[in-house]
Amino acid sequence: MRTPRRGSAFDQAEAAFKAATSKPVEAAPKTVAPPSGKEMVTIRLDRAVLEHFQEDGPGWQERINAALRQAAGLAEE
């Protein structure tokens, strides 16, 4: 006499339910190189330095960026 496999119908039903209701596993996102644009950061500057760049009005952030590029040897001629 053959012994019935207990739970096999339950196991099959549970597996079918999980397959129907589970989200498929997605591949890990590919690493994307950061764009060469600008990035927002927080930096602490001496008050005198900040005032120097702000004296000429709007565009002071670009002037600070240009001065930092020049100091780092990255200035475009």
Protein backbone atom coordinates (compact mmCIF):
# COMPACT_ATOMS: atom_id res chain seq x y z
CA MET A 1 0.00 0.00 0.00
CA ARG A 2 1.21 3.41 -0.90
CA THR A 3 1.49 6.11 1.79
CA PRO A 4 -0.18 9.36 0.81
CA ARG A 5 2.10 12.36 0.74
CA ARG A 6 0.64 14.70 3.30
CA GLY A 7 0.75 18.36 2.50
CA SER A 8 1.74 17.90 -1.09
CA ALA A 9 -1.45 19.52 -2.36
CA PHE A 10 -1.03 22.26 0.23
CA ASP A 11 2.63 22.73 -0.72
CA GLN A 12 1.71 22.92 -4.39
CA ALA A 13 -1.06 25.42 -3.71
CA GLU A 14 1.23 27.54 -1.54
CA ALA A 15 3.97 27.50 -4.18
CA ALA A 16 1.46 28.51 -6.87
CA PHE A 17 0.14 31.33 -4.66
CA LYS A 18 3.64 32.64 -3.93
CA ALA A 19 4.55 32.52 -7.61
CA ALA A 20 1.40 34.44 -8.55
CA THR A 21 1.69 37.09 -5.84
CA SER A 22 5.44 37.61 -5.47
CA LYS A 23 7.25 40.35 -7.30
CA PRO A 24 9.95 39.07 -9.63
CA VAL A 25 13.49 39.61 -8.45
CA GLU A 26 14.96 42.52 -10.35
CA ALA A 27 18.58 42.77 -11.31
CA ALA A 28 20.67 45.19 -9.28
CA PRO A 29 20.69 48.66 -10.86
CA LYS A 30 23.72 49.41 -12.96
CA THR A 31 26.14 51.94 -11.58
CA VAL A 32 25.87 55.13 -13.56
CA ALA A 33 28.80 57.51 -13.81
CA PRO A 34 27.97 60.86 -12.24
CA PRO A 35 27.31 63.62 -14.72
CA SER A 36 30.01 66.19 -15.25
CA GLY A 37 27.61 68.97 -14.24
CA LYS A 38 27.54 70.83 -10.98
CA GLU A 39 26.63 69.38 -7.61
CA MET A 40 25.04 71.15 -4.67
CA VAL A 41 27.22 71.00 -1.54
CA THR A 42 27.54 72.71 1.80
CA ILE A 43 30.85 74.42 2.51
CA ARG A 44 32.00 76.66 5.34
CA LEU A 45 33.95 79.74 4.25
CA ASP A 46 35.51 82.57 6.18
CA ARG A 47 33.14 85.52 6.31
CA ALA A 48 35.75 87.77 4.66
CA VAL A 49 36.12 85.35 1.74
CA LEU A 50 32.37 85.14 1.24
CA GLU A 51 31.97 88.92 1.39
CA HIS A 52 34.80 89.35 -1.14
CA PHE A 53 33.02 87.20 -3.72
CA GLN A 54 29.59 88.67 -2.97
CA GLU A 55 30.79 92.30 -3.39
CA ASP A 56 30.25 92.19 -7.16
CA GLY A 57 26.66 90.93 -6.77
CA PRO A 58 24.98 87.97 -8.44
CA GLY A 59 27.25 85.27 -9.81
CA TRP A 60 29.37 85.03 -6.67
CA GLN A 61 29.00 81.24 -6.56
CA GLU A 62 30.35 80.95 -10.10
CA ARG A 63 33.26 83.22 -9.15
CA ILE A 64 34.08 81.01 -6.16
CA ASN A 65 33.91 77.95 -8.42
CA ALA A 66 36.26 79.59 -10.95
CA ALA A 67 38.73 80.51 -8.18
CA LEU A 68 38.66 76.95 -6.82
CA ARG A 69 39.15 75.50 -10.32
CA GLN A 70 42.16 77.77 -10.83
CA ALA A 71 43.62 76.86 -7.42
CA ALA A 72 43.17 73.16 -8.22
CA GLY A 73 44.85 73.56 -11.62
CA LEU A 74 41.61 72.81 -13.46
CA ALA A 75 40.98 76.27 -14.90
CA GLU A 76 40.10 76.31 -18.57
CA GLU A 77 42.22 78.76 -20.49
